Amino acid sequence: MAGTKAPGAKKPTAAQRAKAEADARKVIARNKKARHDYHIDETFEAGIALTGTEVKALRMGRASLIEGWIEVTGGEAWLHNVHIPEYSQGSWTNHGPRRKRKLLLHKDEIVRLGSKSREKGHTVVPLELYFTKGKAKVEIALARGKQEWDKRETLRRKQAEREAQAAMSLRRHM
């Protein structure tokens, strides 16, 4: 009885589909280098204070978190060196591509990030920039720097895992 509906199941309306699509997480930029260079201890979701042209540029799907970093000063968290290119149809109101942007976090999260980032070897880095429910968010992480041998060990472990998966897949298909 393939293709039959469960009794009482209704097809979602256009409004329900639109809401589900709006609630979905649309990723704009990922910082893959951060996961390679750091041990991630804890992650947080933060809002970002943006101008109108920045939001429009992000909706076009253009941004780079590669060189981004977070600074906690004066009870506020700031996102530095994240590149959001100028909006092509913008006028004199266009934003600076690498300006510092305020992060919107709870006070206790800011205090926690500030105290941990002052410890030796700890830093706060952006991992992902995305839209959820129509709002621009950034996933940030409290991280510890990896040594060079740590990075090599991680790569070796991933390679071994890939080879094991391939061998199991091959075995399954025989």
N, C-alpha and C. Protein backbone atom coordinates (compact mmCIF):
# COMPACT_ATOMS: atom_id res chain seq x y z
N MET A 1 0.83 -1.19 0.00
CA MET A 1 0.00 0.00 0.00
C MET A 1 0.87 1.24 0.00
N ALA A 2 1.83 1.24 -0.85
CA ALA A 2 2.72 2.40 -0.94
C ALA A 2 1.96 3.57 -1.53
N GLY A 3 2.21 4.75 -0.99
CA GLY A 3 1.61 5.96 -1.52
C GLY A 3 0.28 6.31 -0.88
N THR A 4 -0.23 5.51 0.06
CA THR A 4 -1.49 5.86 0.71
C THR A 4 -1.20 6.73 1.91
N LYS A 5 -2.16 7.61 2.19
CA LYS A 5 -2.01 8.52 3.32
C LYS A 5 -2.54 7.88 4.58
N ALA A 6 -2.01 8.30 5.70
CA ALA A 6 -2.52 7.85 6.98
C ALA A 6 -3.91 8.46 7.16
N PRO A 7 -4.83 7.74 7.81
CA PRO A 7 -6.17 8.30 7.98
C PRO A 7 -6.12 9.58 8.81
N GLY A 8 -6.82 10.58 8.37
CA GLY A 8 -6.89 11.86 9.07
C GLY A 8 -5.73 12.80 8.77
N ALA A 9 -4.75 12.37 7.98
CA ALA A 9 -3.60 13.22 7.65
C ALA A 9 -4.02 14.25 6.62
N LYS A 10 -3.66 15.50 6.89
CA LYS A 10 -4.01 16.59 5.98
C LYS A 10 -2.77 17.12 5.29
N LYS A 11 -2.97 17.58 4.08
CA LYS A 11 -1.89 18.20 3.33
C LYS A 11 -1.64 19.59 3.92
N PRO A 12 -0.37 19.95 4.16
CA PRO A 12 -0.10 21.28 4.74
C PRO A 12 -0.54 22.39 3.80
N THR A 13 -1.08 23.45 4.38
CA THR A 13 -1.52 24.59 3.58
C THR A 13 -0.32 25.40 3.14
N ALA A 14 -0.55 26.33 2.23
CA ALA A 14 0.53 27.19 1.74
C ALA A 14 1.11 28.02 2.88
N ALA A 15 0.27 28.49 3.79
CA ALA A 15 0.73 29.29 4.92
C ALA A 15 1.61 28.45 5.85
N GLN A 16 1.22 27.19 6.07
CA GLN A 16 2.01 26.31 6.92
C GLN A 16 3.36 25.99 6.28
N ARG A 17 3.36 25.79 4.98
CA ARG A 17 4.62 25.55 4.27
C ARG A 17 5.52 26.78 4.33
N ALA A 18 4.94 27.97 4.17
CA ALA A 18 5.72 29.21 4.23
C ALA A 18 6.32 29.40 5.61
N LYS A 19 5.53 29.11 6.66
CA LYS A 19 6.02 29.24 8.03
C LYS A 19 7.16 28.26 8.29
N ALA A 20 7.00 27.02 7.84
CA ALA A 20 8.05 26.01 8.03
C ALA A 20 9.32 26.42 7.30
N GLU A 21 9.19 26.99 6.12
CA GLU A 21 10.35 27.45 5.36
C GLU A 21 11.03 28.63 6.05
N ALA A 22 10.21 29.54 6.62
CA ALA A 22 10.76 30.71 7.32
C ALA A 22 11.46 30.29 8.61
N ASP A 23 10.94 29.26 9.27
CA ASP A 23 11.53 28.79 10.53
C ASP A 23 12.81 27.99 10.31
N ALA A 24 12.99 27.49 9.10
CA ALA A 24 14.17 26.68 8.80
C ALA A 24 15.44 27.52 8.92
N ARG A 25 16.53 26.85 9.19
CA ARG A 25 17.82 27.53 9.36
C ARG A 25 18.52 27.60 8.01
N LYS A 26 18.69 28.83 7.50
CA LYS A 26 19.35 29.05 6.21
C LYS A 26 20.77 29.54 6.47
N VAL A 27 21.73 28.67 6.26
CA VAL A 27 23.14 28.99 6.54
C VAL A 27 23.70 29.89 5.45
N ILE A 28 24.37 30.96 5.85
CA ILE A 28 24.96 31.92 4.92
C ILE A 28 26.46 31.68 4.81
N ALA A 29 27.12 31.49 5.96
CA ALA A 29 28.58 31.30 5.96
C ALA A 29 28.98 30.38 7.11
N ARG A 30 30.00 29.56 6.86
CA ARG A 30 30.56 28.67 7.88
C ARG A 30 32.05 28.97 8.01
N ASN A 31 32.56 28.82 9.21
CA ASN A 31 33.98 28.99 9.46
C ASN A 31 34.58 27.61 9.72
N LYS A 32 34.89 26.88 8.63
CA LYS A 32 35.44 25.52 8.75
C LYS A 32 36.83 25.55 9.39
N LYS A 33 37.54 26.61 9.16
CA LYS A 33 38.90 26.74 9.68
C LYS A 33 38.89 26.77 11.22
N ALA A 34 37.85 27.33 11.81
CA ALA A 34 37.77 27.41 13.27
C ALA A 34 37.71 26.02 13.89
N ARG A 35 36.94 25.12 13.30
CA ARG A 35 36.84 23.76 13.84
C ARG A 35 38.16 23.00 13.65
N HIS A 36 38.94 23.40 12.65
CA HIS A 36 40.25 22.77 12.43
C HIS A 36 41.30 23.32 13.41
N ASP A 37 41.24 24.61 13.69
CA ASP A 37 42.28 25.26 14.50
C ASP A 37 42.00 25.26 16.00
N TYR A 38 40.76 24.95 16.42
CA TYR A 38 40.39 25.07 17.83
C TYR A 38 39.64 23.84 18.32
N HIS A 39 39.78 23.56 19.63
CA HIS A 39 38.92 22.61 20.33
C HIS A 39 37.71 23.44 20.78
N ILE A 40 36.51 23.05 20.37
CA ILE A 40 35.31 23.80 20.73
C ILE A 40 34.81 23.29 22.08
N ASP A 41 34.77 24.19 23.08
CA ASP A 41 34.32 23.82 24.42
C ASP A 41 32.82 24.01 24.58
N GLU A 42 32.32 25.16 24.13
CA GLU A 42 30.92 25.50 24.34
C GLU A 42 30.45 26.41 23.21
N THR A 43 29.20 26.26 22.78
CA THR A 43 28.68 27.12 21.71
C THR A 43 27.49 27.93 22.22
N PHE A 44 27.31 29.10 21.61
CA PHE A 44 26.22 30.00 21.93
C PHE A 44 25.60 30.51 20.64
N GLU A 45 24.32 30.86 20.69
CA GLU A 45 23.66 31.50 19.55
C GLU A 45 23.45 32.96 19.92
N ALA A 46 23.91 33.85 19.06
CA ALA A 46 23.79 35.28 19.34
C ALA A 46 23.14 35.98 18.16
N GLY A 47 22.34 37.00 18.47
CA GLY A 47 21.81 37.86 17.43
C GLY A 47 22.88 38.87 17.05
N ILE A 48 22.69 39.56 15.93
CA ILE A 48 23.67 40.56 15.49
C ILE A 48 22.91 41.85 15.19
N ALA A 49 23.46 42.97 15.64
CA ALA A 49 22.89 44.28 15.31
C ALA A 49 23.42 44.68 13.94
N LEU A 50 22.53 44.68 12.94
CA LEU A 50 22.92 44.95 11.55
C LEU A 50 22.16 46.15 10.99
N THR A 51 22.73 46.74 9.95
CA THR A 51 22.03 47.80 9.22
C THR A 51 21.22 47.15 8.10
N GLY A 52 20.35 47.92 7.45
CA GLY A 52 19.49 47.39 6.39
C GLY A 52 20.25 46.82 5.22
N THR A 53 21.30 47.50 4.77
CA THR A 53 22.06 47.01 3.62
C THR A 53 22.84 45.74 3.96
N GLU A 54 23.23 45.59 5.23
CA GLU A 54 23.92 44.36 5.64
C GLU A 54 22.98 43.17 5.56
N VAL A 55 21.75 43.36 6.00
CA VAL A 55 20.76 42.29 5.95
C VAL A 55 20.49 41.90 4.50
N LYS A 56 20.36 42.88 3.63
CA LYS A 56 20.11 42.60 2.20
C LYS A 56 21.29 41.86 1.58
N ALA A 57 22.50 42.25 1.92
CA ALA A 57 23.68 41.56 1.39
C ALA A 57 23.73 40.12 1.91
N LEU A 58 23.36 39.91 3.18
CA LEU A 58 23.34 38.56 3.74
C LEU A 58 22.26 37.71 3.07
N ARG A 59 21.12 38.30 2.78
CA ARG A 59 20.05 37.54 2.12
C ARG A 59 20.48 37.09 0.72
N MET A 60 21.43 37.80 0.12
CA MET A 60 21.98 37.37 -1.16
C MET A 60 22.96 36.21 -0.96
N GLY A 61 23.26 35.88 0.31
CA GLY A 61 24.10 34.72 0.62
C GLY A 61 25.59 34.98 0.55
N ARG A 62 26.00 36.20 0.83
CA ARG A 62 27.43 36.52 0.73
C ARG A 62 27.96 37.01 2.07
N ALA A 63 28.95 36.31 2.59
CA ALA A 63 29.63 36.72 3.82
C ALA A 63 30.82 35.80 4.04
N SER A 64 31.77 36.24 4.87
CA SER A 64 32.93 35.42 5.19
C SER A 64 33.28 35.59 6.67
N LEU A 65 33.38 34.45 7.36
CA LEU A 65 33.72 34.45 8.79
C LEU A 65 35.17 34.06 9.04
N ILE A 66 35.93 33.80 7.99
CA ILE A 66 37.26 33.20 8.11
C ILE A 66 38.16 33.94 9.11
N GLU A 67 38.27 35.23 9.01
CA GLU A 67 39.18 35.98 9.88
C GLU A 67 38.45 36.63 11.05
N GLY A 68 37.21 36.25 11.30
CA GLY A 68 36.41 36.88 12.34
C GLY A 68 36.83 36.46 13.74
N TRP A 69 36.59 37.36 14.71
CA TRP A 69 36.86 37.07 16.11
C TRP A 69 35.93 37.91 16.97
N ILE A 70 35.79 37.53 18.24
CA ILE A 70 34.87 38.21 19.14
C ILE A 70 35.65 38.79 20.31
N GLU A 71 35.28 40.01 20.65
CA GLU A 71 35.90 40.71 21.78
C GLU A 71 34.81 41.07 22.77
N VAL A 72 35.07 40.85 24.05
CA VAL A 72 34.12 41.22 25.11
C VAL A 72 34.74 42.37 25.88
N THR A 73 34.11 43.56 25.77
CA THR A 73 34.59 44.74 26.49
C THR A 73 33.40 45.54 27.01
N GLY A 74 33.54 46.04 28.22
CA GLY A 74 32.52 46.92 28.79
C GLY A 74 31.14 46.27 28.88
N GLY A 75 31.09 44.99 29.14
CA GLY A 75 29.81 44.31 29.26
C GLY A 75 29.09 44.09 27.94
N GLU A 76 29.81 44.23 26.82
CA GLU A 76 29.22 44.01 25.50
C GLU A 76 30.15 43.10 24.69
N ALA A 77 29.54 42.32 23.79
CA ALA A 77 30.31 41.44 22.91
C ALA A 77 30.29 42.03 21.50
N TRP A 78 31.46 42.08 20.87
CA TRP A 78 31.58 42.67 19.53
C TRP A 78 32.19 41.66 18.57
N LEU A 79 31.63 41.61 17.38
CA LEU A 79 32.10 40.73 16.32
C LEU A 79 33.00 41.57 15.40
N HIS A 80 34.26 41.18 15.29
CA HIS A 80 35.24 41.93 14.51
C HIS A 80 35.63 41.18 13.25
N ASN A 81 35.97 41.93 12.21
CA ASN A 81 36.62 41.43 11.00
C ASN A 81 35.83 40.38 10.22
N VAL A 82 34.50 40.39 10.36
CA VAL A 82 33.65 39.53 9.54
C VAL A 82 33.29 40.33 8.29
N HIS A 83 33.51 39.72 7.13
CA HIS A 83 33.31 40.44 5.87
C HIS A 83 31.90 40.22 5.34
N ILE A 84 31.10 41.29 5.33
CA ILE A 84 29.80 41.30 4.66
C ILE A 84 29.93 42.34 3.55
N PRO A 85 29.99 41.90 2.29
CA PRO A 85 30.25 42.85 1.20
C PRO A 85 29.15 43.90 1.07
N GLU A 86 29.51 45.01 0.47
CA GLU A 86 28.53 46.08 0.27
C GLU A 86 27.39 45.60 -0.61
N TYR A 87 26.20 46.10 -0.32
CA TYR A 87 25.02 45.75 -1.10
C TYR A 87 25.09 46.48 -2.44
N SER A 88 24.97 45.73 -3.52
CA SER A 88 25.19 46.30 -4.86
C SER A 88 24.19 47.39 -5.23
N GLN A 89 22.94 47.30 -4.76
CA GLN A 89 21.96 48.34 -5.08
C GLN A 89 21.89 49.42 -4.00
N GLY A 90 22.82 49.39 -3.04
CA GLY A 90 22.82 50.38 -1.98
C GLY A 90 23.30 51.73 -2.47
N SER A 91 23.02 52.76 -1.70
CA SER A 91 23.44 54.12 -2.07
C SER A 91 24.45 54.61 -1.05
N TRP A 92 24.39 55.86 -0.70
CA TRP A 92 25.31 56.43 0.27
C TRP A 92 25.11 55.81 1.65
N THR A 93 24.02 55.07 1.85
CA THR A 93 23.74 54.45 3.15
C THR A 93 24.43 53.09 3.32
N ASN A 94 25.24 52.68 2.34
CA ASN A 94 25.90 51.39 2.42
C ASN A 94 26.80 51.30 3.65
N HIS A 95 27.02 50.09 4.12
CA HIS A 95 27.80 49.83 5.33
C HIS A 95 29.26 49.56 4.98
N GLY A 96 30.13 49.62 5.98
CA GLY A 96 31.53 49.23 5.81
C GLY A 96 31.62 47.71 5.86
N PRO A 97 32.29 47.07 4.91
CA PRO A 97 32.29 45.61 4.83
C PRO A 97 32.88 44.91 6.07
N ARG A 98 33.85 45.50 6.73
CA ARG A 98 34.49 44.84 7.87
C ARG A 98 34.30 45.60 9.18
N ARG A 99 33.22 46.35 9.29
CA ARG A 99 33.00 47.11 10.53
C ARG A 99 32.70 46.16 11.69
N LYS A 100 32.92 46.64 12.93
CA LYS A 100 32.61 45.77 14.07
C LYS A 100 31.11 45.84 14.34
N ARG A 101 30.54 44.68 14.71
CA ARG A 101 29.10 44.57 14.89
C ARG A 101 28.82 44.06 16.29
N LYS A 102 27.80 44.62 16.92
CA LYS A 102 27.44 44.24 18.28
C LYS A 102 26.69 42.91 18.27
N LEU A 103 27.05 42.03 19.20
CA LEU A 103 26.36 40.76 19.36
C LEU A 103 25.32 40.89 20.47
N LEU A 104 24.18 40.29 20.25
CA LEU A 104 23.08 40.37 21.20
C LEU A 104 23.01 39.06 21.98
N LEU A 105 23.49 39.12 23.23
CA LEU A 105 23.54 37.96 24.11
C LEU A 105 22.95 38.33 25.47
N HIS A 106 22.61 37.33 26.27
CA HIS A 106 22.18 37.57 27.64
C HIS A 106 23.39 38.01 28.46
N LYS A 107 23.13 38.80 29.49
CA LYS A 107 24.20 39.35 30.32
C LYS A 107 25.07 38.25 30.93
N ASP A 108 24.46 37.18 31.42
CA ASP A 108 25.25 36.10 32.03
C ASP A 108 26.13 35.39 31.00
N GLU A 109 25.67 35.30 29.75
CA GLU A 109 26.49 34.71 28.69
C GLU A 109 27.69 35.60 28.37
N ILE A 110 27.47 36.90 28.35
CA ILE A 110 28.56 37.85 28.08
C ILE A 110 29.61 37.77 29.19
N VAL A 111 29.15 37.73 30.44
CA VAL A 111 30.08 37.64 31.57
C VAL A 111 30.88 36.33 31.50
N ARG A 112 30.20 35.23 31.19
CA ARG A 112 30.87 33.93 31.08
C ARG A 112 31.91 33.94 29.96
N LEU A 113 31.53 34.46 28.78
CA LEU A 113 32.47 34.53 27.66
C LEU A 113 33.66 35.42 27.99
N GLY A 114 33.39 36.55 28.63
CA GLY A 114 34.46 37.48 28.98
C GLY A 114 35.46 36.88 29.95
N SER A 115 34.95 36.20 30.97
CA SER A 115 35.87 35.63 31.97
C SER A 115 36.66 34.46 31.39
N LYS A 116 36.01 33.61 30.61
CA LYS A 116 36.70 32.46 30.01
C LYS A 116 37.72 32.89 28.95
N SER A 117 37.39 33.93 28.17
CA SER A 117 38.31 34.35 27.10
C SER A 117 39.57 35.01 27.65
N ARG A 118 39.52 35.48 28.91
CA ARG A 118 40.72 36.06 29.52
C ARG A 118 41.69 34.99 30.00
N GLU A 119 41.22 33.75 30.12
CA GLU A 119 42.10 32.65 30.53
C GLU A 119 43.09 32.34 29.41
N LYS A 120 44.26 31.85 29.81
CA LYS A 120 45.30 31.55 28.83
C LYS A 120 44.85 30.43 27.88
N GLY A 121 45.03 30.66 26.59
CA GLY A 121 44.72 29.65 25.59
C GLY A 121 43.28 29.63 25.12
N HIS A 122 42.39 30.44 25.70
CA HIS A 122 40.99 30.46 25.31
C HIS A 122 40.68 31.68 24.43
N THR A 123 39.73 31.50 23.54
CA THR A 123 39.28 32.59 22.69
C THR A 123 37.82 32.35 22.32
N VAL A 124 37.19 33.34 21.73
CA VAL A 124 35.81 33.21 21.27
C VAL A 124 35.82 33.45 19.77
N VAL A 125 35.29 32.48 19.00
CA VAL A 125 35.33 32.56 17.54
C VAL A 125 33.93 32.35 16.96
N PRO A 126 33.63 32.97 15.81
CA PRO A 126 32.36 32.70 15.13
C PRO A 126 32.47 31.40 14.34
N LEU A 127 31.42 30.57 14.39
CA LEU A 127 31.41 29.31 13.67
C LEU A 127 30.51 29.35 12.44
N GLU A 128 29.34 29.99 12.58
CA GLU A 128 28.35 29.93 11.51
C GLU A 128 27.47 31.17 11.55
N LEU A 129 27.11 31.67 10.39
CA LEU A 129 26.21 32.81 10.24
C LEU A 129 25.00 32.32 9.48
N TYR A 130 23.80 32.55 10.02
CA TYR A 130 22.60 32.00 9.41
C TYR A 130 21.37 32.84 9.74
N PHE A 131 20.29 32.57 9.01
CA PHE A 131 18.99 33.16 9.29
C PHE A 131 18.11 32.09 9.90
N THR A 132 17.40 32.42 10.96
CA THR A 132 16.38 31.54 11.52
C THR A 132 15.21 32.41 11.93
N LYS A 133 14.02 32.02 11.49
CA LYS A 133 12.79 32.78 11.75
C LYS A 133 12.93 34.23 11.29
N GLY A 134 13.66 34.44 10.20
CA GLY A 134 13.81 35.77 9.63
C GLY A 134 14.85 36.64 10.31
N LYS A 135 15.51 36.15 11.33
CA LYS A 135 16.51 36.93 12.07
C LYS A 135 17.91 36.40 11.77
N ALA A 136 18.86 37.31 11.61
CA ALA A 136 20.26 36.91 11.39
C ALA A 136 20.87 36.53 12.73
N LYS A 137 21.47 35.36 12.77
CA LYS A 137 22.11 34.86 14.00
C LYS A 137 23.52 34.41 13.67
N VAL A 138 24.35 34.38 14.69
CA VAL A 138 25.70 33.84 14.54
C VAL A 138 25.93 32.85 15.67
N GLU A 139 26.47 31.68 15.30
CA GLU A 139 26.84 30.69 16.31
C GLU A 139 28.29 30.97 16.68
N ILE A 140 28.52 31.23 17.96
CA ILE A 140 29.87 31.52 18.42
C ILE A 140 30.30 30.42 19.37
N ALA A 141 31.61 30.26 19.52
CA ALA A 141 32.12 29.19 20.37
C ALA A 141 33.23 29.67 21.27
N LEU A 142 33.21 29.16 22.47
CA LEU A 142 34.32 29.33 23.39
C LEU A 142 35.29 28.21 23.04
N ALA A 143 36.51 28.56 22.66
CA ALA A 143 37.42 27.57 22.10
C ALA A 143 38.82 27.67 22.70
N ARG A 144 39.54 26.55 22.61
CA ARG A 144 40.94 26.48 23.00
C ARG A 144 41.75 26.17 21.75
N GLY A 145 42.87 26.85 21.58
CA GLY A 145 43.70 26.64 20.40
C GLY A 145 44.32 25.25 20.37
N LYS A 146 44.40 24.68 19.17
CA LYS A 146 45.03 23.38 18.99
C LYS A 146 46.50 23.57 18.67
N GLN A 147 47.31 22.62 19.11
CA GLN A 147 48.71 22.58 18.72
C GLN A 147 48.78 21.94 17.34
N GLU A 148 49.91 22.05 16.68
CA GLU A 148 50.07 21.48 15.34
C GLU A 148 49.87 19.96 15.34
N TRP A 149 50.38 19.28 16.37
CA TRP A 149 50.22 17.82 16.44
C TRP A 149 48.77 17.44 16.66
N ASP A 150 47.99 18.30 17.37
CA ASP A 150 46.55 18.06 17.56
C ASP A 150 45.84 18.06 16.22
N LYS A 151 46.19 19.01 15.38
CA LYS A 151 45.55 19.14 14.06
C LYS A 151 45.85 17.90 13.21
N ARG A 152 47.11 17.44 13.24
CA ARG A 152 47.47 16.25 12.47
C ARG A 152 46.73 15.02 12.99
N GLU A 153 46.62 14.90 14.31
CA GLU A 153 45.92 13.77 14.92
C GLU A 153 44.44 13.77 14.52
N THR A 154 43.81 14.92 14.51
CA THR A 154 42.42 15.03 14.10
C THR A 154 42.24 14.61 12.65
N LEU A 155 43.15 15.06 11.78
CA LEU A 155 43.08 14.66 10.37
C LEU A 155 43.26 13.16 10.20
N ARG A 156 44.20 12.57 10.95
CA ARG A 156 44.41 11.12 10.88
C ARG A 156 43.15 10.36 11.32
N ARG A 157 42.53 10.83 12.40
CA ARG A 157 41.33 10.18 12.92
C ARG A 157 40.19 10.26 11.91
N LYS A 158 40.01 11.42 11.29
CA LYS A 158 38.96 11.58 10.28
C LYS A 158 39.21 10.68 9.08
N GLN A 159 40.46 10.59 8.65
CA GLN A 159 40.82 9.75 7.51
C GLN A 159 40.53 8.28 7.82
N ALA A 160 40.90 7.82 9.02
CA ALA A 160 40.64 6.44 9.42
C ALA A 160 39.14 6.17 9.48
N GLU A 161 38.38 7.14 9.97
CA GLU A 161 36.93 6.99 10.04
C GLU A 161 36.33 6.87 8.64
N ARG A 162 36.80 7.70 7.70
CA ARG A 162 36.31 7.64 6.32
C ARG A 162 36.62 6.29 5.68
N GLU A 163 37.84 5.80 5.91
CA GLU A 163 38.23 4.50 5.35
C GLU A 163 37.38 3.37 5.93
N ALA A 164 37.09 3.43 7.23
CA ALA A 164 36.25 2.40 7.87
C ALA A 164 34.84 2.44 7.30
N GLN A 165 34.29 3.64 7.11
CA GLN A 165 32.95 3.79 6.53
C GLN A 165 32.93 3.23 5.11
N ALA A 166 33.96 3.52 4.33
CA ALA A 166 34.03 3.01 2.95
C ALA A 166 34.10 1.49 2.92
N ALA A 167 34.90 0.92 3.82
CA ALA A 167 35.03 -0.54 3.89
C ALA A 167 33.71 -1.18 4.29
N MET A 168 33.00 -0.58 5.25
CA MET A 168 31.71 -1.12 5.68
C MET A 168 30.68 -0.99 4.57
N SER A 169 30.72 0.09 3.84
CA SER A 169 29.79 0.30 2.72
C SER A 169 30.05 -0.72 1.63
N LEU A 170 31.30 -0.96 1.32
CA LEU A 170 31.68 -1.96 0.31
C LEU A 170 31.22 -3.35 0.74
N ARG A 171 31.40 -3.67 1.98
CA ARG A 171 31.01 -4.97 2.53
C ARG A 171 29.50 -5.16 2.47
N ARG A 172 28.75 -4.10 2.74
CA ARG A 172 27.30 -4.15 2.71
C ARG A 172 26.76 -4.42 1.32
N HIS A 173 27.44 -3.92 0.29
CA HIS A 173 26.98 -4.06 -1.08
C HIS A 173 27.39 -5.38 -1.74
N MET A 174 28.16 -6.20 -1.04
CA MET A 174 28.59 -7.47 -1.62
C MET A 174 27.58 -8.56 -1.34
